Amino acid sequence: MISRDTKREINRVIPAVDSRDGAGVLLKRSIGRNPSARLDPFLMLDAFSTDNPDDYMAGFPPHPHRGFETVTYMLNGHMIHKDHLGNEGELRSGGVQWMTAGKGVIHEERPVAIEGLMRGFQLWINLPAKDKMKPAAYQHIEPEDIPQIELIGGVLKLIAGSLTLGDITYQGPICVEETQPLYVDLQLQPGTTVELPIPPSHNTFIYLFEGKATVEGQPLLIDAANRLSSGSTVSITAPENDVDNAITRLLLLGGKPIGEPVAQYGPFVMNTMEEVEQAIADYRADRLVD
């Protein structure tokens, strides 16, 4: 039997809603806006974009995490990251910070006071039960370490996972065995179509944040998580634009579902509420990061 690619389509849209987090940072939340808006293994996606320092300079003071991973991707601006392990670094435009909270981490994020736009994303990825209490870990990825793949009419940045295009397999700087995340930043010129392979096992969505695009003729909603149906490929088109010739830019995110219960209270994500209550007790008793 000859196998054929099955193209994915849009089957649910989760619009982002305005929110504030940390010490009042303005953001838009799509995945994770409520418990029914999760997409295993993804718990949350926040987008932030403003050139008003009042919207972001308060940052995210020290706060705890347990049981999942956070991925911060800066498009514009700089952010200082610091944790209880002594890790500290400046995340600059195009860079990524991938933090595995595991058993526990106390973390803070402080925007750098520079002129212009502060824009980026923070993604939360769940951990399976067997990894929720493993030691915390931190990876700082410089912009130069992210593969940038030139396409006909576009550019693709591969932040996590692997991608086979033609006879070449590309590997992003991040590889996670359990959830096998695929994290792509895709930029397309008007009138361009690209077809990308996606592991059939993965839950996948597209977050459009610039321009316009369609998947199998279905328009992608901007500032929303456009969830895709099952399949092995996705075809994305940036339509011709006779008005402003705007470039299309989007995130393509996929991950292998964990298939376990999720119990969440703010920055603690476990499998049962008893485990969440234990995390809260550990934090209050200064045992979270022991």
C-alpha atoms as a PDB file:
ATOM      1  CA  MET A   1       0.000   0.000   0.000  1.00  0.00           C
ATOM      2  CA  ILE A   2       1.305   3.453  -0.906  1.00  0.00           C
ATOM      3  CA  SER A   3       0.929   5.933   1.954  1.00  0.00           C
ATOM      4  CA  ARG A   4      -0.123   9.468   1.128  1.00  0.00           C
ATOM      5  CA  ASP A   5       0.287  12.643   3.124  1.00  0.00           C
ATOM      6  CA  THR A   6      -2.807  13.794   4.968  1.00  0.00           C
ATOM      7  CA  LYS A   7      -3.097  17.566   5.056  1.00  0.00           C
ATOM      8  CA  ARG A   8      -4.151  19.253   8.253  1.00  0.00           C
ATOM      9  CA  GLU A   9      -6.979  21.786   8.404  1.00  0.00           C
ATOM     10  CA  ILE A  10      -8.154  24.307  10.998  1.00  0.00           C
ATOM     11  CA  ASN A  11     -10.656  22.658  13.349  1.00  0.00           C
ATOM     12  CA  ARG A  12     -10.780  25.085  16.292  1.00  0.00           C
ATOM     13  CA  VAL A  13      -9.856  28.707  16.942  1.00  0.00           C
ATOM     14  CA  ILE A  14      -8.931  30.033  20.395  1.00  0.00           C
ATOM     15  CA  PRO A  15      -8.780  33.849  20.194  1.00  0.00           C
ATOM     16  CA  ALA A  16      -6.321  35.560  22.512  1.00  0.00           C
ATOM     17  CA  VAL A  17      -7.791  37.719  25.273  1.00  0.00           C
ATOM     18  CA  ASP A  18      -6.172  40.761  26.855  1.00  0.00           C
ATOM     19  CA  SER A  19      -4.677  39.998  30.232  1.00  0.00           C
ATOM     20  CA  ARG A  20      -2.042  41.158  32.708  1.00  0.00           C
ATOM     21  CA  ASP A  21       0.448  39.043  34.600  1.00  0.00           C
ATOM     22  CA  GLY A  22       3.467  39.465  36.824  1.00  0.00           C
ATOM     23  CA  ALA A  23       3.543  43.036  38.135  1.00  0.00           C
ATOM     24  CA  GLY A  24       1.021  44.194  35.534  1.00  0.00           C
ATOM     25  CA  VAL A  25       2.652  43.236  32.224  1.00  0.00           C
ATOM     26  CA  LEU A  26       0.158  43.645  29.364  1.00  0.00           C
ATOM     27  CA  LEU A  27      -0.241  40.513  27.221  1.00  0.00           C
ATOM     28  CA  LYS A  28      -2.604  38.441  25.092  1.00  0.00           C
ATOM     29  CA  ARG A  29      -3.398  34.854  26.189  1.00  0.00           C
ATOM     30  CA  SER A  30      -4.781  32.211  23.814  1.00  0.00           C
ATOM     31  CA  ILE A  31      -3.839  28.666  24.855  1.00  0.00           C
ATOM     32  CA  GLY A  32      -4.567  28.445  28.573  1.00  0.00           C
ATOM     33  CA  ARG A  33      -7.054  31.335  28.752  1.00  0.00           C
ATOM     34  CA  ASN A  34      -9.175  28.782  30.635  1.00  0.00           C
ATOM     35  CA  PRO A  35      -8.767  25.036  31.389  1.00  0.00           C
ATOM     36  CA  SER A  36     -10.767  24.022  28.296  1.00  0.00           C
ATOM     37  CA  ALA A  37      -8.384  26.023  26.101  1.00  0.00           C
ATOM     38  CA  ARG A  38      -5.344  23.823  26.713  1.00  0.00           C
ATOM     39  CA  LEU A  39      -3.921  21.621  23.950  1.00  0.00           C
ATOM     40  CA  ASP A  40      -1.923  18.703  25.374  1.00  0.00           C
ATOM     41  CA  PRO A  41       1.021  19.073  26.001  1.00  0.00           C
ATOM     42  CA  PHE A  42       0.661  22.873  25.768  1.00  0.00           C
ATOM     43  CA  LEU A  43      -0.670  24.645  28.854  1.00  0.00           C
ATOM     44  CA  MET A  44      -0.440  28.310  27.892  1.00  0.00           C
ATOM     45  CA  LEU A  45       0.729  30.743  25.214  1.00  0.00           C
ATOM     46  CA  ASP A  46       1.133  34.422  26.035  1.00  0.00           C
ATOM     47  CA  ALA A  47       2.020  37.051  23.437  1.00  0.00           C
ATOM     48  CA  PHE A  48       3.278  40.480  24.443  1.00  0.00           C
ATOM     49  CA  SER A  49       3.799  43.431  22.122  1.00  0.00           C
ATOM     50  CA  THR A  50       3.988  47.080  23.138  1.00  0.00           C
ATOM     51  CA  ASP A  51       6.211  50.118  22.760  1.00  0.00           C
ATOM     52  CA  ASN A  52       4.860  51.698  25.960  1.00  0.00           C
ATOM     53  CA  PRO A  53       7.291  51.007  28.847  1.00  0.00           C
ATOM     54  CA  ASP A  54       4.416  51.365  31.324  1.00  0.00           C
ATOM     55  CA  ASP A  55       3.004  48.122  29.904  1.00  0.00           C
ATOM     56  CA  TYR A  56       6.062  45.999  30.673  1.00  0.00           C
ATOM     57  CA  MET A  57       8.765  47.660  32.800  1.00  0.00           C
ATOM     58  CA  ALA A  58       7.413  46.238  36.094  1.00  0.00           C
ATOM     59  CA  GLY A  59       8.279  42.795  34.725  1.00  0.00           C
ATOM     60  CA  PHE A  60       7.784  39.536  36.582  1.00  0.00           C
ATOM     61  CA  PRO A  61       9.156  39.663  40.164  1.00  0.00           C
ATOM     62  CA  PRO A  62      10.438  36.409  41.758  1.00  0.00           C
ATOM     63  CA  HIS A  63       7.804  33.691  41.452  1.00  0.00           C
ATOM     64  CA  PRO A  64       7.727  29.880  41.724  1.00  0.00           C
ATOM     65  CA  HIS A  65       7.136  27.134  39.146  1.00  0.00           C
ATOM     66  CA  ARG A  66       6.745  23.361  39.469  1.00  0.00           C
ATOM     67  CA  GLY A  67       5.838  20.572  37.062  1.00  0.00           C
ATOM     68  CA  PHE A  68       6.292  22.050  33.563  1.00  0.00           C
ATOM     69  CA  GLU A  69       8.594  23.927  31.166  1.00  0.00           C
ATOM     70  CA  THR A  70       8.561  27.589  30.145  1.00  0.00           C
ATOM     71  CA  VAL A  71       9.823  28.824  26.787  1.00  0.00           C
ATOM     72  CA  THR A  72      10.413  32.553  26.308  1.00  0.00           C
ATOM     73  CA  TYR A  73      11.083  33.742  22.749  1.00  0.00           C
ATOM     74  CA  MET A  74      12.019  37.394  22.265  1.00  0.00           C
ATOM     75  CA  LEU A  75      11.275  38.996  18.912  1.00  0.00           C
ATOM     76  CA  ASN A  76      12.164  42.559  19.910  1.00  0.00           C
ATOM     77  CA  GLY A  77      13.717  43.970  23.046  1.00  0.00           C
ATOM     78  CA  HIS A  78      15.802  42.523  25.859  1.00  0.00           C
ATOM     79  CA  MET A  79      14.839  40.637  29.026  1.00  0.00           C
ATOM     80  CA  ILE A  80      16.986  39.710  32.033  1.00  0.00           C
ATOM     81  CA  HIS A  81      16.288  36.229  33.446  1.00  0.00           C
ATOM     82  CA  LYS A  82      17.427  35.073  36.869  1.00  0.00           C
ATOM     83  CA  ASP A  83      16.661  32.013  38.994  1.00  0.00           C
ATOM     84  CA  HIS A  84      17.509  30.570  42.403  1.00  0.00           C
ATOM     85  CA  LEU A  85      20.189  28.338  40.879  1.00  0.00           C
ATOM     86  CA  GLY A  86      22.272  31.399  40.060  1.00  0.00           C
ATOM     87  CA  ASN A  87      21.506  31.288  36.358  1.00  0.00           C
ATOM     88  CA  GLU A  88      21.289  34.781  34.938  1.00  0.00           C
ATOM     89  CA  GLY A  89      21.368  36.001  31.379  1.00  0.00           C
ATOM     90  CA  GLU A  90      20.151  38.680  29.046  1.00  0.00           C
ATOM     91  CA  LEU A  91      17.684  37.387  26.502  1.00  0.00           C
ATOM     92  CA  ARG A  92      18.043  39.591  23.428  1.00  0.00           C
ATOM     93  CA  SER A  93      16.052  39.930  20.214  1.00  0.00           C
ATOM     94  CA  GLY A  94      15.811  36.549  18.495  1.00  0.00           C
ATOM     95  CA  GLY A  95      16.939  34.575  21.553  1.00  0.00           C
ATOM     96  CA  VAL A  96      15.195  31.852  23.546  1.00  0.00           C
ATOM     97  CA  GLN A  97      15.198  30.808  27.190  1.00  0.00           C
ATOM     98  CA  TRP A  98      14.012  27.239  27.808  1.00  0.00           C
ATOM     99  CA  MET A  99      13.509  26.501  31.493  1.00  0.00           C
ATOM    100  CA  THR A 100      12.506  23.144  32.954  1.00  0.00           C
ATOM    101  CA  ALA A 101      10.965  23.888  36.335  1.00  0.00           C
ATOM    102  CA  GLY A 102      10.765  20.234  37.395  1.00  0.00           C
ATOM    103  CA  LYS A 103      10.610  19.942  41.195  1.00  0.00           C
ATOM    104  CA  GLY A 104      10.783  23.674  41.611  1.00  0.00           C
ATOM    105  CA  VAL A 105      12.391  26.933  40.585  1.00  0.00           C
ATOM    106  CA  ILE A 106      12.137  30.526  41.796  1.00  0.00           C
ATOM    107  CA  HIS A 107      12.376  32.717  38.747  1.00  0.00           C
ATOM    108  CA  GLU A 108      12.220  36.395  37.806  1.00  0.00           C
ATOM    109  CA  GLU A 109      12.148  38.293  34.520  1.00  0.00           C
ATOM    110  CA  ARG A 110      13.066  41.955  34.183  1.00  0.00           C
ATOM    111  CA  PRO A 111      12.721  43.868  30.916  1.00  0.00           C
ATOM    112  CA  VAL A 112      15.710  46.021  29.994  1.00  0.00           C
ATOM    113  CA  ALA A 113      14.867  49.719  29.685  1.00  0.00           C
ATOM    114  CA  ILE A 114      15.654  50.285  26.010  1.00  0.00           C
ATOM    115  CA  GLU A 115      13.840  52.355  23.421  1.00  0.00           C
ATOM    116  CA  GLY A 116      11.291  50.810  21.095  1.00  0.00           C
ATOM    117  CA  LEU A 117       9.167  47.701  20.881  1.00  0.00           C
ATOM    118  CA  MET A 118       9.104  44.925  23.490  1.00  0.00           C
ATOM    119  CA  ARG A 119       7.634  41.877  21.751  1.00  0.00           C
ATOM    120  CA  GLY A 120       7.741  38.120  22.241  1.00  0.00           C
ATOM    121  CA  PHE A 121       6.034  34.962  23.464  1.00  0.00           C
ATOM    122  CA  GLN A 122       6.009  32.710  26.491  1.00  0.00           C
ATOM    123  CA  LEU A 123       4.892  29.106  26.043  1.00  0.00           C
ATOM    124  CA  TRP A 124       4.209  26.618  28.857  1.00  0.00           C
ATOM    125  CA  ILE A 125       4.729  22.921  28.054  1.00  0.00           C
ATOM    126  CA  ASN A 126       3.577  20.220  30.451  1.00  0.00           C
ATOM    127  CA  LEU A 127       5.857  17.504  31.844  1.00  0.00           C
ATOM    128  CA  PRO A 128       4.792  13.872  32.310  1.00  0.00           C
ATOM    129  CA  ALA A 129       4.295  12.656  35.880  1.00  0.00           C
ATOM    130  CA  LYS A 130       7.648  10.880  35.928  1.00  0.00           C
ATOM    131  CA  ASP A 131       9.501  14.143  35.186  1.00  0.00           C
ATOM    132  CA  LYS A 132       7.557  16.630  37.291  1.00  0.00           C
ATOM    133  CA  MET A 133       9.916  16.306  40.256  1.00  0.00           C
ATOM    134  CA  LYS A 134      13.224  16.127  38.415  1.00  0.00           C
ATOM    135  CA  PRO A 135      15.864  18.806  39.093  1.00  0.00           C
ATOM    136  CA  ALA A 136      15.327  22.216  37.535  1.00  0.00           C
ATOM    137  CA  ALA A 137      17.322  23.022  34.383  1.00  0.00           C
ATOM    138  CA  TYR A 138      17.938  26.092  32.262  1.00  0.00           C
ATOM    139  CA  GLN A 139      18.997  26.579  28.626  1.00  0.00           C
ATOM    140  CA  HIS A 140      19.860  29.947  27.112  1.00  0.00           C
ATOM    141  CA  ILE A 141      19.832  29.934  23.305  1.00  0.00           C
ATOM    142  CA  GLU A 142      21.443  32.806  21.435  1.00  0.00           C
ATOM    143  CA  PRO A 143      19.879  33.991  18.147  1.00  0.00           C
ATOM    144  CA  GLU A 144      22.921  32.719  16.231  1.00  0.00           C
ATOM    145  CA  ASP A 145      22.285  29.169  17.491  1.00  0.00           C
ATOM    146  CA  ILE A 146      18.828  28.929  15.920  1.00  0.00           C
ATOM    147  CA  PRO A 147      18.865  27.467  12.375  1.00  0.00           C
ATOM    148  CA  GLN A 148      17.487  29.904   9.806  1.00  0.00           C
ATOM    149  CA  ILE A 149      16.292  28.106   6.687  1.00  0.00           C
ATOM    150  CA  GLU A 150      15.801  30.032   3.453  1.00  0.00           C
ATOM    151  CA  LEU A 151      12.666  29.006   1.568  1.00  0.00           C
ATOM    152  CA  ILE A 152      11.294  30.151  -1.776  1.00  0.00           C
ATOM    153  CA  GLY A 153       9.482  33.286  -0.686  1.00  0.00           C
ATOM    154  CA  GLY A 154      10.117  32.822   3.004  1.00  0.00           C
ATOM    155  CA  VAL A 155      12.381  32.246   5.983  1.00  0.00           C
ATOM    156  CA  LEU A 156      11.935  29.583   8.681  1.00  0.00           C
ATOM    157  CA  LYS A 157      13.558  29.622  12.118  1.00  0.00           C
ATOM    158  CA  LEU A 158      13.638  26.223  13.830  1.00  0.00           C
ATOM    159  CA  ILE A 159      13.687  26.731  17.586  1.00  0.00           C
ATOM    160  CA  ALA A 160      12.851  23.178  18.670  1.00  0.00           C
ATOM    161  CA  GLY A 161      12.448  19.768  17.078  1.00  0.00           C
ATOM    162  CA  SER A 162      13.496  18.451  13.683  1.00  0.00           C
ATOM    163  CA  LEU A 163      12.182  19.211  10.220  1.00  0.00           C
ATOM    164  CA  THR A 164      12.889  17.380   6.955  1.00  0.00           C
ATOM    165  CA  LEU A 165      12.640  19.549   3.859  1.00  0.00           C
ATOM    166  CA  GLY A 166      13.516  17.756   0.653  1.00  0.00           C
ATOM    167  CA  ASP A 167      16.600  15.640   1.299  1.00  0.00           C
ATOM    168  CA  ILE A 168      17.812  17.684   4.276  1.00  0.00           C
ATOM    169  CA  THR A 169      16.844  17.199   7.928  1.00  0.00           C
ATOM    170  CA  TYR A 170      17.281  20.247  10.127  1.00  0.00           C
ATOM    171  CA  GLN A 171      17.559  20.115  13.912  1.00  0.00           C
ATOM    172  CA  GLY A 172      16.686  22.941  16.275  1.00  0.00           C
ATOM    173  CA  PRO A 173      18.798  23.603  19.376  1.00  0.00           C
ATOM    174  CA  ILE A 174      16.140  22.110  21.682  1.00  0.00           C
ATOM    175  CA  CYS A 175      15.117  18.446  21.720  1.00  0.00           C
ATOM    176  CA  VAL A 176      12.745  17.055  24.379  1.00  0.00           C
ATOM    177  CA  GLU A 177      12.269  13.290  24.281  1.00  0.00           C
ATOM    178  CA  GLU A 178       8.852  12.999  25.937  1.00  0.00           C
ATOM    179  CA  THR A 179       6.819  15.724  24.200  1.00  0.00           C
ATOM    180  CA  GLN A 180       9.020  16.123  21.098  1.00  0.00           C
ATOM    181  CA  PRO A 181       8.032  19.787  20.632  1.00  0.00           C
ATOM    182  CA  LEU A 182       8.208  21.422  17.214  1.00  0.00           C
ATOM    183  CA  TYR A 183       8.629  25.203  17.447  1.00  0.00           C
ATOM    184  CA  VAL A 184       8.815  27.134  14.164  1.00  0.00           C
ATOM    185  CA  ASP A 185       8.867  30.872  13.447  1.00  0.00           C
ATOM    186  CA  LEU A 186       7.788  31.238   9.801  1.00  0.00           C
ATOM    187  CA  GLN A 187       7.936  34.387   7.668  1.00  0.00           C
ATOM    188  CA  LEU A 188       6.326  34.436   4.191  1.00  0.00           C
ATOM    189  CA  GLN A 189       6.168  36.928   1.348  1.00  0.00           C
ATOM    190  CA  PRO A 190       2.737  37.620  -0.238  1.00  0.00           C
ATOM    191  CA  GLY A 191       1.754  34.999  -2.795  1.00  0.00           C
ATOM    192  CA  THR A 192       3.851  32.257  -1.195  1.00  0.00           C
ATOM    193  CA  THR A 193       2.779  28.742  -0.193  1.00  0.00           C
ATOM    194  CA  VAL A 194       4.871  26.339   1.881  1.00  0.00           C
ATOM    195  CA  GLU A 195       4.110  22.760   2.869  1.00  0.00           C
ATOM    196  CA  LEU A 196       5.706  21.462   6.045  1.00  0.00           C
ATOM    197  CA  PRO A 197       5.750  17.949   7.524  1.00  0.00           C
ATOM    198  CA  ILE A 198       4.336  17.439  11.007  1.00  0.00           C
ATOM    199  CA  PRO A 199       4.539  14.191  13.004  1.00  0.00           C
ATOM    200  CA  PRO A 200       1.062  12.602  12.831  1.00  0.00           C
ATOM    201  CA  SER A 201       1.213  12.009  16.600  1.00  0.00           C
ATOM    202  CA  HIS A 202       1.408  15.726  17.396  1.00  0.00           C
ATOM    203  CA  ASN A 203      -1.229  18.189  18.519  1.00  0.00           C
ATOM    204  CA  THR A 204      -0.520  21.307  16.482  1.00  0.00           C
ATOM    205  CA  PHE A 205      -1.618  24.922  16.228  1.00  0.00           C
ATOM    206  CA  ILE A 206      -0.636  28.094  14.391  1.00  0.00           C
ATOM    207  CA  TYR A 207      -0.418  31.546  15.968  1.00  0.00           C
ATOM    208  CA  LEU A 208      -0.561  34.273  13.298  1.00  0.00           C
ATOM    209  CA  PHE A 209       0.815  37.611  14.486  1.00  0.00           C
ATOM    210  CA  GLU A 210       1.597  39.543  11.299  1.00  0.00           C
ATOM    211  CA  GLY A 211      -0.164  39.756   7.949  1.00  0.00           C
ATOM    212  CA  LYS A 212      -2.620  37.198   6.582  1.00  0.00           C
ATOM    213  CA  ALA A 213      -2.482  33.472   5.835  1.00  0.00           C
ATOM    214  CA  THR A 214      -4.692  30.502   5.002  1.00  0.00           C
ATOM    215  CA  VAL A 215      -4.524  26.759   5.585  1.00  0.00           C
ATOM    216  CA  GLU A 216      -6.304  24.743   2.873  1.00  0.00           C
ATOM    217  CA  GLY A 217      -8.249  27.871   1.938  1.00  0.00           C
ATOM    218  CA  GLN A 218      -9.317  28.549   5.552  1.00  0.00           C
ATOM    219  CA  PRO A 219      -8.203  31.965   6.857  1.00  0.00           C
ATOM    220  CA  LEU A 220      -6.079  31.968   9.976  1.00  0.00           C
ATOM    221  CA  LEU A 221      -7.380  34.313  12.663  1.00  0.00           C
ATOM    222  CA  ILE A 222      -4.702  36.762  13.778  1.00  0.00           C
ATOM    223  CA  ASP A 223      -3.783  36.829  17.486  1.00  0.00           C
ATOM    224  CA  ALA A 224      -5.340  33.409  18.057  1.00  0.00           C
ATOM    225  CA  ALA A 225      -4.333  29.766  18.437  1.00  0.00           C
ATOM    226  CA  ASN A 226      -5.615  28.128  15.248  1.00  0.00           C
ATOM    227  CA  ARG A 227      -5.704  24.420  16.123  1.00  0.00           C
ATOM    228  CA  LEU A 228      -5.115  21.957  13.311  1.00  0.00           C
ATOM    229  CA  SER A 229      -6.747  18.605  12.632  1.00  0.00           C
ATOM    230  CA  SER A 230      -4.758  15.374  12.481  1.00  0.00           C
ATOM    231  CA  GLY A 231      -2.501  14.734   9.529  1.00  0.00           C
ATOM    232  CA  SER A 232       1.114  14.556   8.407  1.00  0.00           C
ATOM    233  CA  THR A 233       1.562  17.892   6.587  1.00  0.00           C
ATOM    234  CA  VAL A 234       0.306  21.458   6.709  1.00  0.00           C
ATOM    235  CA  SER A 235       0.093  23.793   3.709  1.00  0.00           C
ATOM    236  CA  ILE A 236       0.280  27.501   4.601  1.00  0.00           C
ATOM    237  CA  THR A 237      -0.393  30.266   2.069  1.00  0.00           C
ATOM    238  CA  ALA A 238       0.306  33.983   2.377  1.00  0.00           C
ATOM    239  CA  PRO A 239      -2.166  35.473  -0.121  1.00  0.00           C
ATOM    240  CA  GLU A 240      -1.328  38.131  -2.685  1.00  0.00           C
ATOM    241  CA  ASN A 241      -1.676  41.585  -1.167  1.00  0.00           C
ATOM    242  CA  ASP A 242      -2.151  44.551  -3.509  1.00  0.00           C
ATOM    243  CA  VAL A 243      -2.593  47.106  -0.711  1.00  0.00           C
ATOM    244  CA  ASP A 244       0.464  47.181   1.531  1.00  0.00           C
ATOM    245  CA  ASN A 245       2.414  44.067   0.437  1.00  0.00           C
ATOM    246  CA  ALA A 246       2.628  43.055   4.109  1.00  0.00           C
ATOM    247  CA  ILE A 247       4.804  40.142   5.164  1.00  0.00           C
ATOM    248  CA  THR A 248       3.111  37.227   6.961  1.00  0.00           C
ATOM    249  CA  ARG A 249       4.641  35.933  10.170  1.00  0.00           C
ATOM    250  CA  LEU A 250       3.428  33.119  12.399  1.00  0.00           C
ATOM    251  CA  LEU A 251       4.400  30.469  14.911  1.00  0.00           C
ATOM    252  CA  LEU A 252       3.810  26.781  14.127  1.00  0.00           C
ATOM    253  CA  LEU A 253       3.769  24.761  17.352  1.00  0.00           C
ATOM    254  CA  GLY A 254       3.353  21.020  17.737  1.00  0.00           C
ATOM    255  CA  GLY A 255       3.875  18.499  20.502  1.00  0.00           C
ATOM    256  CA  LYS A 256       3.269  14.876  21.361  1.00  0.00           C
ATOM    257  CA  PRO A 257       0.384  14.686  23.857  1.00  0.00           C
ATOM    258  CA  ILE A 258       1.117  13.294  27.315  1.00  0.00           C
ATOM    259  CA  GLY A 259      -2.407  11.999  27.980  1.00  0.00           C
ATOM    260  CA  GLU A 260      -2.351  12.470  31.756  1.00  0.00           C
ATOM    261  CA  PRO A 261      -4.662  14.405  34.104  1.00  0.00           C
ATOM    262  CA  VAL A 262      -3.772  18.072  34.624  1.00  0.00           C
ATOM    263  CA  ALA A 263      -4.238  19.758  37.994  1.00  0.00           C
ATOM    264  CA  GLN A 264      -3.181  23.399  37.984  1.00  0.00           C
ATOM    265  CA  TYR A 265      -3.104  26.234  40.447  1.00  0.00           C
ATOM    266  CA  GLY A 266      -1.282  29.224  38.949  1.00  0.00           C
ATOM    267  CA  PRO A 267       2.400  28.314  38.510  1.00  0.00           C
ATOM    268  CA  PHE A 268       2.016  24.764  39.879  1.00  0.00           C
ATOM    269  CA  VAL A 269       0.998  22.081  37.359  1.00  0.00           C
ATOM    270  CA  MET A 270       0.696  18.529  38.643  1.00  0.00           C
ATOM    271  CA  ASN A 271      -1.514  15.453  38.073  1.00  0.00           C
ATOM    272  CA  THR A 272      -3.685  15.725  41.189  1.00  0.00           C
ATOM    273  CA  MET A 273      -4.861  18.542  43.457  1.00  0.00           C
ATOM    274  CA  GLU A 274      -3.168  16.786  46.363  1.00  0.00           C
ATOM    275  CA  GLU A 275       0.166  17.230  44.532  1.00  0.00           C
ATOM    276  CA  VAL A 276      -0.666  20.888  43.869  1.00  0.00           C
ATOM    277  CA  GLU A 277      -1.452  21.406  47.557  1.00  0.00           C
ATOM    278  CA  GLN A 278       1.893  19.801  48.406  1.00  0.00           C
ATOM    279  CA  ALA A 279       3.646  22.210  46.015  1.00  0.00           C
ATOM    280  CA  ILE A 280       1.954  25.179  47.704  1.00  0.00           C
ATOM    281  CA  ALA A 281       2.927  23.866  51.141  1.00  0.00           C
ATOM    282  CA  ASP A 282       6.521  23.308  49.979  1.00  0.00           C
ATOM    283  CA  TYR A 283       6.715  26.864  48.638  1.00  0.00           C
ATOM    284  CA  ARG A 284       5.340  28.374  51.829  1.00  0.00           C
ATOM    285  CA  ALA A 285       7.799  26.332  53.896  1.00  0.00           C
ATOM    286  CA  ASP A 286      10.787  27.190  51.638  1.00  0.00           C
ATOM    287  CA  ARG A 287      11.069  23.548  50.527  1.00  0.00           C
ATOM    288  CA  LEU A 288      10.113  24.004  46.875  1.00  0.00           C
ATOM    289  CA  VAL A 289      13.690  24.239  45.632  1.00  0.00           C
ATOM    290  CA  ASP A 290      15.423  21.979  48.195  1.00  0.00           C
END
